Amino acid sequence: MGEYQELKLVLMQLFGLGKDALHIYVGISVFLLTAILFRLPLRDWRPLAAVFLAAVAGEVIDLFEWSNRARGPLLWGNHWHDIWNTMFWPTVLSLLARSPKLLKR
């Protein structure tokens, strides 16, 4: 098992999360931290782009660790679910931030 996989397992055990929940928490954390650190509004495209880059980078690391361990081809099909989980709530928050009428209700 690679170091990245071990880190994910430690985080899952530390916070009592499943794999899917870990992706959701990471996505929301990256989104909010990017907005806070760079003083960007949530409606800005850059916090969402940071989440996308983090999600894709994590899956690329997963793919390469898996291919090195299994000595097989790189298969993207199984990783789209993880990208979806990571991107979903940050995308919803970004869309809500662009729609002030929805937030005022």
N, C-alpha and C. Protein backbone atom coordinates (compact mmCIF):
# COMPACT_ATOMS: atom_id res chain seq x y z
N MET A 1 0.85 -1.17 0.00
CA MET A 1 0.00 0.00 0.00
C MET A 1 0.90 1.24 0.00
N GLY A 2 0.52 2.23 -0.80
CA GLY A 2 1.31 3.44 -0.90
C GLY A 2 1.08 4.38 0.27
N GLU A 3 1.96 5.37 0.38
CA GLU A 3 1.87 6.34 1.47
C GLU A 3 0.57 7.13 1.42
N TYR A 4 0.12 7.48 0.22
CA TYR A 4 -1.13 8.24 0.07
C TYR A 4 -2.32 7.44 0.57
N GLN A 5 -2.35 6.15 0.25
CA GLN A 5 -3.43 5.28 0.71
C GLN A 5 -3.40 5.15 2.23
N GLU A 6 -2.21 5.05 2.80
CA GLU A 6 -2.09 4.96 4.26
C GLU A 6 -2.58 6.24 4.93
N LEU A 7 -2.25 7.39 4.33
CA LEU A 7 -2.72 8.67 4.87
C LEU A 7 -4.25 8.73 4.86
N LYS A 8 -4.87 8.28 3.77
CA LYS A 8 -6.33 8.28 3.70
C LYS A 8 -6.93 7.36 4.76
N LEU A 9 -6.33 6.21 4.96
CA LEU A 9 -6.83 5.28 5.99
C LEU A 9 -6.71 5.88 7.39
N VAL A 10 -5.60 6.56 7.67
CA VAL A 10 -5.42 7.21 8.97
C VAL A 10 -6.49 8.27 9.17
N LEU A 11 -6.73 9.11 8.15
CA LEU A 11 -7.75 10.15 8.26
C LEU A 11 -9.14 9.56 8.44
N MET A 12 -9.43 8.48 7.73
CA MET A 12 -10.74 7.83 7.87
C MET A 12 -10.93 7.30 9.28
N GLN A 13 -9.89 6.68 9.84
CA GLN A 13 -9.99 6.14 11.19
C GLN A 13 -10.03 7.26 12.24
N LEU A 14 -9.22 8.31 12.03
CA LEU A 14 -9.15 9.42 12.98
C LEU A 14 -10.49 10.13 13.10
N PHE A 15 -11.15 10.36 11.97
CA PHE A 15 -12.41 11.10 11.97
C PHE A 15 -13.65 10.21 11.90
N GLY A 16 -13.45 8.91 11.82
CA GLY A 16 -14.59 7.99 11.77
C GLY A 16 -15.40 8.14 10.49
N LEU A 17 -14.73 8.34 9.37
CA LEU A 17 -15.41 8.56 8.09
C LEU A 17 -15.21 7.38 7.16
N GLY A 18 -16.17 7.21 6.27
CA GLY A 18 -16.02 6.28 5.17
C GLY A 18 -15.28 6.96 4.03
N LYS A 19 -14.93 6.19 3.02
CA LYS A 19 -14.18 6.72 1.89
C LYS A 19 -14.95 7.84 1.18
N ASP A 20 -16.24 7.63 0.93
CA ASP A 20 -17.03 8.66 0.24
C ASP A 20 -17.15 9.92 1.08
N ALA A 21 -17.36 9.77 2.38
CA ALA A 21 -17.47 10.94 3.26
C ALA A 21 -16.16 11.71 3.30
N LEU A 22 -15.03 11.02 3.26
CA LEU A 22 -13.73 11.69 3.26
C LEU A 22 -13.61 12.60 2.03
N HIS A 23 -14.05 12.12 0.88
CA HIS A 23 -14.02 12.94 -0.33
C HIS A 23 -14.90 14.18 -0.18
N ILE A 24 -16.05 14.02 0.41
CA ILE A 24 -16.97 15.15 0.60
C ILE A 24 -16.34 16.18 1.54
N TYR A 25 -15.78 15.74 2.64
CA TYR A 25 -15.15 16.65 3.59
C TYR A 25 -13.96 17.37 2.97
N VAL A 26 -13.15 16.65 2.22
CA VAL A 26 -11.99 17.26 1.57
C VAL A 26 -12.45 18.31 0.57
N GLY A 27 -13.46 18.00 -0.22
CA GLY A 27 -13.96 18.95 -1.20
C GLY A 27 -14.45 20.25 -0.57
N ILE A 28 -15.26 20.13 0.47
CA ILE A 28 -15.77 21.32 1.14
C ILE A 28 -14.64 22.09 1.82
N SER A 29 -13.70 21.38 2.42
CA SER A 29 -12.58 22.03 3.09
C SER A 29 -11.70 22.81 2.11
N VAL A 30 -11.36 22.19 1.00
CA VAL A 30 -10.53 22.87 0.00
C VAL A 30 -11.26 24.10 -0.54
N PHE A 31 -12.55 23.96 -0.80
CA PHE A 31 -13.36 25.06 -1.32
C PHE A 31 -13.35 26.25 -0.36
N LEU A 32 -13.69 25.98 0.89
CA LEU A 32 -13.77 27.07 1.87
C LEU A 32 -12.40 27.65 2.22
N LEU A 33 -11.40 26.80 2.39
CA LEU A 33 -10.07 27.29 2.72
C LEU A 33 -9.47 28.13 1.60
N THR A 34 -9.70 27.75 0.36
CA THR A 34 -9.22 28.55 -0.77
C THR A 34 -9.87 29.92 -0.76
N ALA A 35 -11.18 29.95 -0.54
CA ALA A 35 -11.89 31.23 -0.50
C ALA A 35 -11.40 32.09 0.66
N ILE A 36 -11.18 31.48 1.82
CA ILE A 36 -10.74 32.24 2.99
C ILE A 36 -9.30 32.73 2.82
N LEU A 37 -8.40 31.84 2.45
CA LEU A 37 -6.99 32.20 2.35
C LEU A 37 -6.71 33.27 1.29
N PHE A 38 -7.43 33.21 0.17
CA PHE A 38 -7.20 34.16 -0.91
C PHE A 38 -8.24 35.28 -0.93
N ARG A 39 -9.09 35.29 0.11
CA ARG A 39 -10.13 36.32 0.25
C ARG A 39 -10.97 36.44 -1.03
N LEU A 40 -11.49 35.31 -1.44
CA LEU A 40 -12.31 35.24 -2.65
C LEU A 40 -13.76 35.00 -2.26
N PRO A 41 -14.69 35.56 -2.99
CA PRO A 41 -16.10 35.22 -2.74
C PRO A 41 -16.37 33.77 -3.17
N LEU A 42 -17.35 33.15 -2.55
CA LEU A 42 -17.68 31.77 -2.89
C LEU A 42 -18.19 31.63 -4.32
N ARG A 43 -18.67 32.72 -4.89
CA ARG A 43 -19.16 32.66 -6.27
C ARG A 43 -18.03 32.70 -7.29
N ASP A 44 -16.81 33.03 -6.85
CA ASP A 44 -15.65 33.08 -7.74
C ASP A 44 -15.34 31.67 -8.24
N TRP A 45 -14.80 31.57 -9.44
CA TRP A 45 -14.51 30.27 -10.04
C TRP A 45 -13.27 29.60 -9.44
N ARG A 46 -12.39 30.37 -8.82
CA ARG A 46 -11.12 29.81 -8.35
C ARG A 46 -11.23 28.82 -7.19
N PRO A 47 -12.10 29.04 -6.19
CA PRO A 47 -12.23 28.00 -5.15
C PRO A 47 -12.73 26.68 -5.73
N LEU A 48 -13.65 26.76 -6.68
CA LEU A 48 -14.16 25.53 -7.31
C LEU A 48 -13.08 24.87 -8.16
N ALA A 49 -12.27 25.68 -8.83
CA ALA A 49 -11.16 25.13 -9.61
C ALA A 49 -10.15 24.44 -8.71
N ALA A 50 -9.91 25.01 -7.52
CA ALA A 50 -8.98 24.38 -6.57
C ALA A 50 -9.49 23.01 -6.14
N VAL A 51 -10.80 22.89 -5.93
CA VAL A 51 -11.39 21.60 -5.55
C VAL A 51 -11.21 20.60 -6.69
N PHE A 52 -11.47 21.04 -7.91
CA PHE A 52 -11.32 20.16 -9.07
C PHE A 52 -9.88 19.68 -9.20
N LEU A 53 -8.93 20.60 -9.07
CA LEU A 53 -7.52 20.21 -9.17
C LEU A 53 -7.12 19.25 -8.06
N ALA A 54 -7.61 19.48 -6.85
CA ALA A 54 -7.32 18.58 -5.73
C ALA A 54 -7.92 17.20 -5.97
N ALA A 55 -9.15 17.16 -6.48
CA ALA A 55 -9.82 15.88 -6.73
C ALA A 55 -9.10 15.09 -7.81
N VAL A 56 -8.75 15.75 -8.90
CA VAL A 56 -8.06 15.07 -10.00
C VAL A 56 -6.66 14.63 -9.55
N ALA A 57 -5.95 15.50 -8.82
CA ALA A 57 -4.62 15.13 -8.33
C ALA A 57 -4.69 13.89 -7.42
N GLY A 58 -5.68 13.86 -6.54
CA GLY A 58 -5.83 12.70 -5.66
C GLY A 58 -6.11 11.42 -6.43
N GLU A 59 -6.92 11.53 -7.47
CA GLU A 59 -7.23 10.34 -8.26
C GLU A 59 -6.06 9.91 -9.13
N VAL A 60 -5.27 10.85 -9.60
CA VAL A 60 -4.07 10.50 -10.37
C VAL A 60 -3.09 9.76 -9.47
N ILE A 61 -2.92 10.25 -8.24
CA ILE A 61 -2.05 9.53 -7.29
C ILE A 61 -2.59 8.13 -7.03
N ASP A 62 -3.91 8.01 -6.82
CA ASP A 62 -4.52 6.69 -6.64
C ASP A 62 -4.23 5.77 -7.82
N LEU A 63 -4.42 6.30 -9.03
CA LEU A 63 -4.20 5.50 -10.23
C LEU A 63 -2.76 4.99 -10.33
N PHE A 64 -1.82 5.88 -10.09
CA PHE A 64 -0.42 5.47 -10.20
C PHE A 64 -0.01 4.51 -9.09
N GLU A 65 -0.51 4.72 -7.89
CA GLU A 65 -0.21 3.77 -6.82
C GLU A 65 -0.81 2.40 -7.13
N TRP A 66 -2.04 2.41 -7.67
CA TRP A 66 -2.69 1.15 -8.00
C TRP A 66 -1.95 0.45 -9.14
N SER A 67 -1.57 1.20 -10.18
CA SER A 67 -0.90 0.57 -11.31
C SER A 67 0.47 0.05 -10.93
N ASN A 68 1.17 0.74 -10.02
CA ASN A 68 2.48 0.24 -9.57
C ASN A 68 2.33 -1.02 -8.74
N ARG A 69 1.26 -1.09 -7.96
CA ARG A 69 1.03 -2.27 -7.12
C ARG A 69 0.52 -3.45 -7.94
N ALA A 70 -0.42 -3.18 -8.84
CA ALA A 70 -1.05 -4.27 -9.59
C ALA A 70 -0.36 -4.55 -10.91
N ARG A 71 0.53 -3.66 -11.33
CA ARG A 71 1.22 -3.78 -12.61
C ARG A 71 0.24 -3.90 -13.77
N GLY A 72 -0.85 -3.16 -13.65
CA GLY A 72 -1.87 -3.20 -14.69
C GLY A 72 -2.04 -1.85 -15.35
N PRO A 73 -2.98 -1.76 -16.28
CA PRO A 73 -3.23 -0.48 -16.97
C PRO A 73 -3.95 0.51 -16.05
N LEU A 74 -3.85 1.79 -16.40
CA LEU A 74 -4.55 2.83 -15.65
C LEU A 74 -6.02 2.84 -16.07
N LEU A 75 -6.92 2.67 -15.11
CA LEU A 75 -8.35 2.62 -15.38
C LEU A 75 -9.05 3.79 -14.70
N TRP A 76 -9.54 4.75 -15.49
CA TRP A 76 -10.18 5.94 -14.93
C TRP A 76 -11.61 5.68 -14.47
N GLY A 77 -12.26 4.67 -15.00
CA GLY A 77 -13.68 4.45 -14.75
C GLY A 77 -14.08 4.44 -13.30
N ASN A 78 -13.30 3.81 -12.45
CA ASN A 78 -13.65 3.69 -11.04
C ASN A 78 -13.43 4.98 -10.25
N HIS A 79 -12.73 5.94 -10.83
CA HIS A 79 -12.35 7.14 -10.09
C HIS A 79 -13.29 8.32 -10.30
N TRP A 80 -14.16 8.24 -11.29
CA TRP A 80 -15.11 9.34 -11.53
C TRP A 80 -16.06 9.53 -10.35
N HIS A 81 -16.41 8.45 -9.70
CA HIS A 81 -17.29 8.52 -8.52
C HIS A 81 -16.64 9.37 -7.43
N ASP A 82 -15.36 9.20 -7.22
CA ASP A 82 -14.65 9.97 -6.20
C ASP A 82 -14.58 11.45 -6.57
N ILE A 83 -14.35 11.74 -7.84
CA ILE A 83 -14.32 13.13 -8.29
C ILE A 83 -15.70 13.75 -8.11
N TRP A 84 -16.73 13.01 -8.44
CA TRP A 84 -18.12 13.48 -8.25
C TRP A 84 -18.38 13.81 -6.78
N ASN A 85 -18.01 12.90 -5.89
CA ASN A 85 -18.22 13.13 -4.45
C ASN A 85 -17.46 14.35 -3.96
N THR A 86 -16.27 14.55 -4.46
CA THR A 86 -15.46 15.68 -4.03
C THR A 86 -16.02 17.01 -4.54
N MET A 87 -16.57 17.01 -5.75
CA MET A 87 -17.02 18.25 -6.40
C MET A 87 -18.46 18.64 -6.08
N PHE A 88 -19.31 17.72 -5.68
CA PHE A 88 -20.74 17.98 -5.61
C PHE A 88 -21.10 19.18 -4.72
N TRP A 89 -20.79 19.11 -3.43
CA TRP A 89 -21.21 20.18 -2.50
C TRP A 89 -20.51 21.50 -2.74
N PRO A 90 -19.23 21.52 -3.07
CA PRO A 90 -18.64 22.81 -3.44
C PRO A 90 -19.33 23.45 -4.66
N THR A 91 -19.75 22.63 -5.62
CA THR A 91 -20.46 23.16 -6.78
C THR A 91 -21.81 23.73 -6.36
N VAL A 92 -22.52 23.02 -5.50
CA VAL A 92 -23.81 23.51 -5.01
C VAL A 92 -23.62 24.83 -4.26
N LEU A 93 -22.63 24.90 -3.38
CA LEU A 93 -22.38 26.14 -2.64
C LEU A 93 -22.01 27.29 -3.57
N SER A 94 -21.22 27.01 -4.58
CA SER A 94 -20.82 28.04 -5.53
C SER A 94 -22.03 28.56 -6.32
N LEU A 95 -22.90 27.65 -6.73
CA LEU A 95 -24.10 28.05 -7.46
C LEU A 95 -25.06 28.85 -6.58
N LEU A 96 -25.19 28.44 -5.33
CA LEU A 96 -26.04 29.18 -4.39
C LEU A 96 -25.49 30.58 -4.14
N ALA A 97 -24.17 30.70 -4.07
CA ALA A 97 -23.56 32.01 -3.83
C ALA A 97 -23.77 32.95 -5.02
N ARG A 98 -23.99 32.40 -6.19
CA ARG A 98 -24.23 33.22 -7.38
C ARG A 98 -25.69 33.62 -7.52
N SER A 99 -26.53 33.10 -6.65
CA SER A 99 -27.95 33.36 -6.75
C SER A 99 -28.44 34.02 -5.46
N PRO A 100 -28.27 35.33 -5.32
CA PRO A 100 -28.61 36.00 -4.06
C PRO A 100 -30.08 35.90 -3.69
N LYS A 101 -30.96 35.78 -4.68
CA LYS A 101 -32.39 35.67 -4.35
C LYS A 101 -32.69 34.40 -3.58
N LEU A 102 -31.99 33.31 -3.90
CA LEU A 102 -32.20 32.06 -3.18
C LEU A 102 -31.72 32.17 -1.73
N LEU A 103 -30.63 32.85 -1.51
CA LEU A 103 -30.07 32.95 -0.16
C LEU A 103 -30.84 33.89 0.75
N LYS A 104 -31.60 34.82 0.18
CA LYS A 104 -32.34 35.79 0.99
C LYS A 104 -33.64 35.22 1.52
N ARG A 105 -34.11 34.12 0.99
CA ARG A 105 -35.38 33.54 1.44
C ARG A 105 -35.28 32.93 2.78
